Structures are given as structure tokens and as C-alpha cells.
């Protein structure tokens, strides 16, 4: 059978659509963004504020914004030709790989890339474009998690200082039964609002990826 067979093309299309959530997480900046926002929520002390739906929604729209140049390239080189029946779905998938790989390699640390090349037991490629996707993807995810944790650590520090100060004041006043989180929460929110926290966090995330 050839990939031009309509039945095969329908099967491949359905399989690709079912993999879209995994592609969104593994091939884009979504992981870094959602992890940073989750750590920020924990640093502030709000267990469900903002809600998970808000964090995921904001992460999705930021991902689409950051990935827009890559999405435009994929659309022009793969999706439009496939819709116009100029190429098969197999050729379209092959054309999607280079722009995604280029984006991921730009965000991947050399240390992580070298690790998975070594684990794959293959010779180091002469060009980055020759690195297989099965090596690039896990290296990219590890790099994204490392970067997200670094950003989260920096975000945690000022809120941690507020918690420590409030806890020390309550302890010195003999109010040991009063949870420090209840007192420090308004001060952390006030600090976050005064420094325009959402603007700073979003700007830092976008610049760290672009």
C-alpha cells in the first residue's frame, strides 16, 4: 500500500489528531510556561487561585503566541500544500519536522543534547539538522524543565522572605497558633500587584524563549 491510499491517509490523519495534546506538551514551550505559572501560584500561597483552567488557558495562548513564527512556517510548507493536494500526508509530516526541530534545538542545552546522543549510542552528528527527533525531544523537555525550575526559584525568593519575616514577627508576639500563611498572603499579593507581577513574569517568559 502507498501513503496516497485514501484509507491510509485517513488513518494517519486520525492518529496525528489524537497525538496533538502530546505534541503540544513535548514539542512547544507549553511545558516551561505552565510549570512557571504553577510554581508562581504555590509561591504566592494560593492553592487554587488562579484556577487550573486559567493557568492552562493562559499557557496555551502564550504558547501559540510564542510559536507563531514556527506555526506560520509549518502552515506554508506543509499544511497548505497538503490541503491543496500538492503533497501526501506522509510528505506533509516530513516537512513539519525541520521547523519544529529548529525551534527545539534553539531552546535545548548542549549538555542535555549530548546526554541523549550518548544514551542513544550513535555517533555525534556533523550538523544539528542530522540529530534524530527521538534524541531532540527528550533533551528539549529536560532543558525546558530545568529552565522552568530556575525561573520558579527566582520567583519563590521574595515570597519566601515575606513568609520568614511574618513567621518571625508572629513568633516574637507569641501568636504561634495563627498560621503565618494567612497573614503573609495579603502582603505577597500586595507585593505582586505593586511590581506589576504578571507583566514581569510574562515578559520574562517570552524573552527567555524568543
C-alpha atoms as a PDB file:
ATOM      1  CA  UNK A   1       0.000   0.000   0.000  1.00  0.00           C
ATOM      2  CA  UNK A   2       1.057   3.546  -0.680  1.00  0.00           C
ATOM      3  CA  UNK A   3       0.586   6.576   1.510  1.00  0.00           C
ATOM      4  CA  UNK A   4      -1.579   8.031  -1.260  1.00  0.00           C
ATOM      5  CA  UNK A   5      -4.254   5.429  -0.465  1.00  0.00           C
ATOM      6  CA  UNK A   6      -7.238   7.406   0.977  1.00  0.00           C
ATOM      7  CA  UNK A   7      -7.822   4.837   3.727  1.00  0.00           C
ATOM      8  CA  UNK A   8      -4.194   5.087   4.870  1.00  0.00           C
ATOM      9  CA  UNK A   9      -4.314   8.883   4.756  1.00  0.00           C
ATOM     10  CA  UNK A  10      -7.468   8.974   6.888  1.00  0.00           C
ATOM     11  CA  UNK A  11      -5.895   6.596   9.405  1.00  0.00           C
ATOM     12  CA  UNK A  12      -2.708   8.700   9.624  1.00  0.00           C
ATOM     13  CA  UNK A  13      -4.739  11.910   9.975  1.00  0.00           C
ATOM     14  CA  UNK A  14      -6.789  10.486  12.848  1.00  0.00           C
ATOM     15  CA  UNK A  15      -3.608   9.221  14.528  1.00  0.00           C
ATOM     16  CA  UNK A  16      -1.991  12.662  14.235  1.00  0.00           C
ATOM     17  CA  UNK A  17      -5.048  14.382  15.692  1.00  0.00           C
ATOM     18  CA  UNK A  18      -5.035  12.003  18.661  1.00  0.00           C
ATOM     19  CA  UNK A  19      -1.384  12.907  19.283  1.00  0.00           C
ATOM     20  CA  UNK A  20      -1.981  16.674  19.268  1.00  0.00           C
ATOM     21  CA  UNK A  21      -2.026  17.021  23.110  1.00  0.00           C
ATOM     22  CA  UNK A  22       1.301  15.204  23.335  1.00  0.00           C
ATOM     23  CA  UNK A  23       2.727  17.326  20.526  1.00  0.00           C
ATOM     24  CA  UNK A  24       1.595  20.473  22.327  1.00  0.00           C
ATOM     25  CA  UNK A  25       3.384  19.434  25.517  1.00  0.00           C
ATOM     26  CA  UNK A  26       6.519  17.845  24.058  1.00  0.00           C
ATOM     27  CA  UNK A  27       7.271  19.988  21.010  1.00  0.00           C
ATOM     28  CA  UNK A  28       6.427  23.505  22.225  1.00  0.00           C
ATOM     29  CA  UNK A  29       7.183  25.945  25.042  1.00  0.00           C
ATOM     30  CA  UNK A  30       3.966  24.943  26.869  1.00  0.00           C
ATOM     31  CA  UNK A  31       5.834  22.888  29.483  1.00  0.00           C
ATOM     32  CA  UNK A  32       8.053  25.776  30.579  1.00  0.00           C
ATOM     33  CA  UNK A  33       5.169  28.234  30.788  1.00  0.00           C
ATOM     34  CA  UNK A  34       2.720  26.044  32.715  1.00  0.00           C
ATOM     35  CA  UNK A  35       5.395  24.896  35.200  1.00  0.00           C
ATOM     36  CA  UNK A  36       6.447  28.503  35.912  1.00  0.00           C
ATOM     37  CA  UNK A  37       2.846  29.607  36.446  1.00  0.00           C
ATOM     38  CA  UNK A  38       2.200  26.623  38.743  1.00  0.00           C
ATOM     39  CA  UNK A  39       5.303  27.411  40.815  1.00  0.00           C
ATOM     40  CA  UNK A  40       4.274  31.059  40.965  1.00  0.00           C
ATOM     41  CA  UNK A  41       0.861  30.092  42.350  1.00  0.00           C
ATOM     42  CA  UNK A  42       2.489  27.944  45.028  1.00  0.00           C
ATOM     43  CA  UNK A  43       4.930  30.742  45.901  1.00  0.00           C
ATOM     44  CA  UNK A  44       2.083  33.183  46.411  1.00  0.00           C
ATOM     45  CA  UNK A  45       0.265  30.638  48.557  1.00  0.00           C
ATOM     46  CA  UNK A  46      -2.971  30.379  46.613  1.00  0.00           C
ATOM     47  CA  UNK A  47      -3.821  26.691  46.310  1.00  0.00           C
ATOM     48  CA  UNK A  48      -6.478  27.212  43.656  1.00  0.00           C
ATOM     49  CA  UNK A  49      -6.005  30.893  42.778  1.00  0.00           C
ATOM     50  CA  UNK A  50      -5.641  31.327  39.871  1.00  0.00           C
ATOM     51  CA  UNK A  51      -7.609  28.173  38.977  1.00  0.00           C
ATOM     52  CA  UNK A  52      -6.020  25.422  36.883  1.00  0.00           C
ATOM     53  CA  UNK A  53      -8.225  26.334  33.937  1.00  0.00           C
ATOM     54  CA  UNK A  54      -6.905  29.904  33.948  1.00  0.00           C
ATOM     55  CA  UNK A  55      -3.281  28.782  34.168  1.00  0.00           C
ATOM     56  CA  UNK A  56      -3.686  26.239  31.365  1.00  0.00           C
ATOM     57  CA  UNK A  57      -5.631  28.710  29.202  1.00  0.00           C
ATOM     58  CA  UNK A  58      -3.053  31.461  29.639  1.00  0.00           C
ATOM     59  CA  UNK A  59      -0.248  28.964  28.977  1.00  0.00           C
ATOM     60  CA  UNK A  60      -1.962  27.821  25.770  1.00  0.00           C
ATOM     61  CA  UNK A  61      -2.417  31.331  24.382  1.00  0.00           C
ATOM     62  CA  UNK A  62       1.151  32.272  25.309  1.00  0.00           C
ATOM     63  CA  UNK A  63       2.383  29.094  23.616  1.00  0.00           C
ATOM     64  CA  UNK A  64       0.511  29.951  20.405  1.00  0.00           C
ATOM     65  CA  UNK A  65       1.908  33.491  20.537  1.00  0.00           C
ATOM     66  CA  UNK A  66       5.497  32.331  21.040  1.00  0.00           C
ATOM     67  CA  UNK A  67       5.215  29.522  18.489  1.00  0.00           C
ATOM     68  CA  UNK A  68       3.500  31.681  15.844  1.00  0.00           C
ATOM     69  CA  UNK A  69       6.620  32.008  13.590  1.00  0.00           C
ATOM     70  CA  UNK A  70       7.079  28.223  13.634  1.00  0.00           C
ATOM     71  CA  UNK A  71       3.352  27.648  13.104  1.00  0.00           C
ATOM     72  CA  UNK A  72       3.384  30.021  10.105  1.00  0.00           C
ATOM     73  CA  UNK A  73       6.314  28.128   8.591  1.00  0.00           C
ATOM     74  CA  UNK A  74       4.604  24.761   9.110  1.00  0.00           C
ATOM     75  CA  UNK A  75       1.391  26.115   7.597  1.00  0.00           C
ATOM     76  CA  UNK A  76       3.116  27.439   4.488  1.00  0.00           C
ATOM     77  CA  UNK A  77       5.402  24.466   3.891  1.00  0.00           C
ATOM     78  CA  UNK A  78       3.221  21.543   4.951  1.00  0.00           C
ATOM     79  CA  UNK A  79      -0.437  22.235   5.755  1.00  0.00           C
ATOM     80  CA  UNK A  80      -1.363  24.407   2.762  1.00  0.00           C
ATOM     81  CA  UNK A  81       0.304  22.107   0.189  1.00  0.00           C
ATOM     82  CA  UNK A  82      -1.477  19.124   1.751  1.00  0.00           C
ATOM     83  CA  UNK A  83      -4.857  20.882   1.721  1.00  0.00           C
ATOM     84  CA  UNK A  84      -4.271  21.816  -1.940  1.00  0.00           C
ATOM     85  CA  UNK A  85      -3.463  18.123  -2.629  1.00  0.00           C
ATOM     86  CA  UNK A  86       0.035  19.044  -3.791  1.00  0.00           C
ATOM     87  CA  UNK A  87       1.693  16.581  -1.389  1.00  0.00           C
ATOM     88  CA  UNK A  88       0.694  13.474   0.543  1.00  0.00           C
ATOM     89  CA  UNK A  89       0.164  13.376   4.281  1.00  0.00           C
ATOM     90  CA  UNK A  90       3.456  11.479   4.658  1.00  0.00           C
ATOM     91  CA  UNK A  91       5.344  14.277   2.877  1.00  0.00           C
ATOM     92  CA  UNK A  92       3.485  16.877   4.972  1.00  0.00           C
ATOM     93  CA  UNK A  93       4.609  15.186   8.188  1.00  0.00           C
ATOM     94  CA  UNK A  94       8.204  15.122   6.934  1.00  0.00           C
ATOM     95  CA  UNK A  95       8.021  18.867   6.198  1.00  0.00           C
ATOM     96  CA  UNK A  96       6.725  19.624   9.692  1.00  0.00           C
ATOM     97  CA  UNK A  97       9.803  18.122  11.347  1.00  0.00           C
ATOM     98  CA  UNK A  98      12.538  20.664  10.309  1.00  0.00           C
ATOM     99  CA  UNK A  99      10.866  23.844  11.682  1.00  0.00           C
ATOM    100  CA  UNK A 100       9.900  22.116  14.949  1.00  0.00           C
ATOM    101  CA  UNK A 101      13.370  20.651  15.330  1.00  0.00           C
ATOM    102  CA  UNK A 102      14.937  24.058  14.651  1.00  0.00           C
ATOM    103  CA  UNK A 103      12.828  25.631  17.417  1.00  0.00           C
ATOM    104  CA  UNK A 104      13.581  22.864  19.900  1.00  0.00           C
ATOM    105  CA  UNK A 105      17.326  22.879  19.232  1.00  0.00           C
ATOM    106  CA  UNK A 106      17.420  26.630  19.849  1.00  0.00           C
ATOM    107  CA  UNK A 107      15.975  26.070  23.343  1.00  0.00           C
ATOM    108  CA  UNK A 108      17.897  22.893  24.209  1.00  0.00           C
ATOM    109  CA  UNK A 109      21.026  22.957  26.319  1.00  0.00           C
ATOM    110  CA  UNK A 110      24.103  21.351  24.750  1.00  0.00           C
ATOM    111  CA  UNK A 111      24.605  19.330  27.930  1.00  0.00           C
ATOM    112  CA  UNK A 112      21.184  17.683  27.665  1.00  0.00           C
ATOM    113  CA  UNK A 113      21.573  17.106  23.932  1.00  0.00           C
ATOM    114  CA  UNK A 114      24.960  15.445  24.433  1.00  0.00           C
ATOM    115  CA  UNK A 115      23.470  13.223  27.162  1.00  0.00           C
ATOM    116  CA  UNK A 116      20.754  11.754  24.926  1.00  0.00           C
ATOM    117  CA  UNK A 117      23.107  11.418  21.964  1.00  0.00           C
ATOM    118  CA  UNK A 118      25.375   9.377  24.238  1.00  0.00           C
ATOM    119  CA  UNK A 119      22.465   7.308  25.567  1.00  0.00           C
ATOM    120  CA  UNK A 120      21.296   6.570  22.016  1.00  0.00           C
ATOM    121  CA  UNK A 121      24.735   5.003  21.331  1.00  0.00           C
ATOM    122  CA  UNK A 122      25.139   6.671  17.988  1.00  0.00           C
ATOM    123  CA  UNK A 123      27.922   8.770  16.535  1.00  0.00           C
ATOM    124  CA  UNK A 124      27.686  12.529  17.143  1.00  0.00           C
ATOM    125  CA  UNK A 125      26.121  14.096  14.024  1.00  0.00           C
ATOM    126  CA  UNK A 126      28.103  16.617  11.999  1.00  0.00           C
ATOM    127  CA  UNK A 127      25.167  19.030  11.744  1.00  0.00           C
ATOM    128  CA  UNK A 128      22.336  19.793  14.218  1.00  0.00           C
ATOM    129  CA  UNK A 129      19.800  19.035  11.492  1.00  0.00           C
ATOM    130  CA  UNK A 130      21.045  15.443  11.398  1.00  0.00           C
ATOM    131  CA  UNK A 131      20.102  14.763  15.020  1.00  0.00           C
ATOM    132  CA  UNK A 132      17.065  12.427  15.064  1.00  0.00           C
ATOM    133  CA  UNK A 133      13.844  13.628  16.616  1.00  0.00           C
ATOM    134  CA  UNK A 134      13.900  10.809  19.192  1.00  0.00           C
ATOM    135  CA  UNK A 135      17.030  12.434  20.629  1.00  0.00           C
ATOM    136  CA  UNK A 136      15.954  16.070  20.305  1.00  0.00           C
ATOM    137  CA  UNK A 137      12.564  15.725  22.035  1.00  0.00           C
ATOM    138  CA  UNK A 138      13.681  14.296  25.427  1.00  0.00           C
ATOM    139  CA  UNK A 139      16.673  16.680  25.517  1.00  0.00           C
ATOM    140  CA  UNK A 140      14.322  19.580  24.807  1.00  0.00           C
ATOM    141  CA  UNK A 141      11.899  18.563  27.576  1.00  0.00           C
ATOM    142  CA  UNK A 142      14.698  18.201  30.144  1.00  0.00           C
ATOM    143  CA  UNK A 143      16.031  21.631  29.188  1.00  0.00           C
ATOM    144  CA  UNK A 144      12.569  23.174  29.448  1.00  0.00           C
ATOM    145  CA  UNK A 145      12.033  21.707  32.912  1.00  0.00           C
ATOM    146  CA  UNK A 146      15.453  22.896  34.087  1.00  0.00           C
ATOM    147  CA  UNK A 147      14.796  26.418  32.824  1.00  0.00           C
ATOM    148  CA  UNK A 148      11.306  26.465  34.353  1.00  0.00           C
ATOM    149  CA  UNK A 149      12.681  25.409  37.758  1.00  0.00           C
ATOM    150  CA  UNK A 150      15.349  28.126  37.608  1.00  0.00           C
ATOM    151  CA  UNK A 151      12.733  30.777  36.872  1.00  0.00           C
ATOM    152  CA  UNK A 152      10.486  29.337  39.590  1.00  0.00           C
ATOM    153  CA  UNK A 153      13.316  29.512  42.136  1.00  0.00           C
ATOM    154  CA  UNK A 154      13.868  33.203  41.383  1.00  0.00           C
ATOM    155  CA  UNK A 155      10.122  33.851  41.730  1.00  0.00           C
ATOM    156  CA  UNK A 156       9.991  31.970  45.045  1.00  0.00           C
ATOM    157  CA  UNK A 157      12.687  34.029  46.800  1.00  0.00           C
ATOM    158  CA  UNK A 158      10.806  37.302  47.516  1.00  0.00           C
ATOM    159  CA  UNK A 159       7.704  35.446  48.679  1.00  0.00           C
ATOM    160  CA  UNK A 160       9.811  33.150  50.863  1.00  0.00           C
ATOM    161  CA  UNK A 161      11.379  36.203  52.524  1.00  0.00           C
ATOM    162  CA  UNK A 162       7.919  37.599  53.291  1.00  0.00           C
ATOM    163  CA  UNK A 163       6.875  34.255  54.827  1.00  0.00           C
ATOM    164  CA  UNK A 164      10.001  34.187  57.001  1.00  0.00           C
ATOM    165  CA  UNK A 165       9.529  37.790  58.198  1.00  0.00           C
ATOM    166  CA  UNK A 166       5.849  37.266  59.016  1.00  0.00           C
ATOM    167  CA  UNK A 167       6.593  33.970  60.782  1.00  0.00           C
ATOM    168  CA  UNK A 168       9.316  35.611  62.881  1.00  0.00           C
ATOM    169  CA  UNK A 169       7.038  38.517  63.861  1.00  0.00           C
ATOM    170  CA  UNK A 170       4.194  36.188  64.853  1.00  0.00           C
ATOM    171  CA  UNK A 171       6.585  34.012  66.860  1.00  0.00           C
ATOM    172  CA  UNK A 172       8.009  37.026  68.696  1.00  0.00           C
ATOM    173  CA  UNK A 173       4.469  38.173  69.533  1.00  0.00           C
ATOM    174  CA  UNK A 174       3.602  34.738  70.923  1.00  0.00           C
ATOM    175  CA  UNK A 175       0.939  34.133  68.263  1.00  0.00           C
ATOM    176  CA  UNK A 176       2.111  30.608  67.470  1.00  0.00           C
ATOM    177  CA  UNK A 177      -1.396  29.279  66.813  1.00  0.00           C
ATOM    178  CA  UNK A 178      -2.029  31.722  63.969  1.00  0.00           C
ATOM    179  CA  UNK A 179      -0.931  30.240  60.606  1.00  0.00           C
ATOM    180  CA  UNK A 180       1.697  32.559  59.052  1.00  0.00           C
ATOM    181  CA  UNK A 181       0.255  31.875  55.590  1.00  0.00           C
ATOM    182  CA  UNK A 182      -2.988  33.695  56.472  1.00  0.00           C
ATOM    183  CA  UNK A 183      -1.049  36.824  57.424  1.00  0.00           C
ATOM    184  CA  UNK A 184       1.600  36.735  54.698  1.00  0.00           C
ATOM    185  CA  UNK A 185      -0.855  36.109  51.844  1.00  0.00           C
ATOM    186  CA  UNK A 186      -2.157  39.725  51.627  1.00  0.00           C
ATOM    187  CA  UNK A 187       1.399  41.103  51.752  1.00  0.00           C
ATOM    188  CA  UNK A 188       2.531  38.769  48.972  1.00  0.00           C
ATOM    189  CA  UNK A 189      -0.438  39.770  46.835  1.00  0.00           C
ATOM    190  CA  UNK A 190       0.284  43.442  47.538  1.00  0.00           C
ATOM    191  CA  UNK A 191       3.935  42.996  46.520  1.00  0.00           C
ATOM    192  CA  UNK A 192       2.946  41.148  43.353  1.00  0.00           C
ATOM    193  CA  UNK A 193       0.466  43.866  42.361  1.00  0.00           C
ATOM    194  CA  UNK A 194       2.832  46.751  43.161  1.00  0.00           C
ATOM    195  CA  UNK A 195       5.618  45.396  40.943  1.00  0.00           C
ATOM    196  CA  UNK A 196       3.114  44.506  38.176  1.00  0.00           C
ATOM    197  CA  UNK A 197       3.997  40.854  38.603  1.00  0.00           C
ATOM    198  CA  UNK A 198       2.028  39.337  35.736  1.00  0.00           C
ATOM    199  CA  UNK A 199       3.617  41.742  33.275  1.00  0.00           C
ATOM    200  CA  UNK A 200       7.098  40.928  34.553  1.00  0.00           C
ATOM    201  CA  UNK A 201       6.576  37.166  34.556  1.00  0.00           C
ATOM    202  CA  UNK A 202       5.039  37.045  31.081  1.00  0.00           C
ATOM    203  CA  UNK A 203       7.712  39.367  29.654  1.00  0.00           C
ATOM    204  CA  UNK A 204      10.486  37.267  31.195  1.00  0.00           C
ATOM    205  CA  UNK A 205       8.992  34.038  29.835  1.00  0.00           C
ATOM    206  CA  UNK A 206       8.593  35.374  26.308  1.00  0.00           C
ATOM    207  CA  UNK A 207      12.097  36.844  26.257  1.00  0.00           C
ATOM    208  CA  UNK A 208      13.608  33.656  27.652  1.00  0.00           C
ATOM    209  CA  UNK A 209      12.172  31.723  24.696  1.00  0.00           C
ATOM    210  CA  UNK A 210      12.499  34.241  21.889  1.00  0.00           C
END
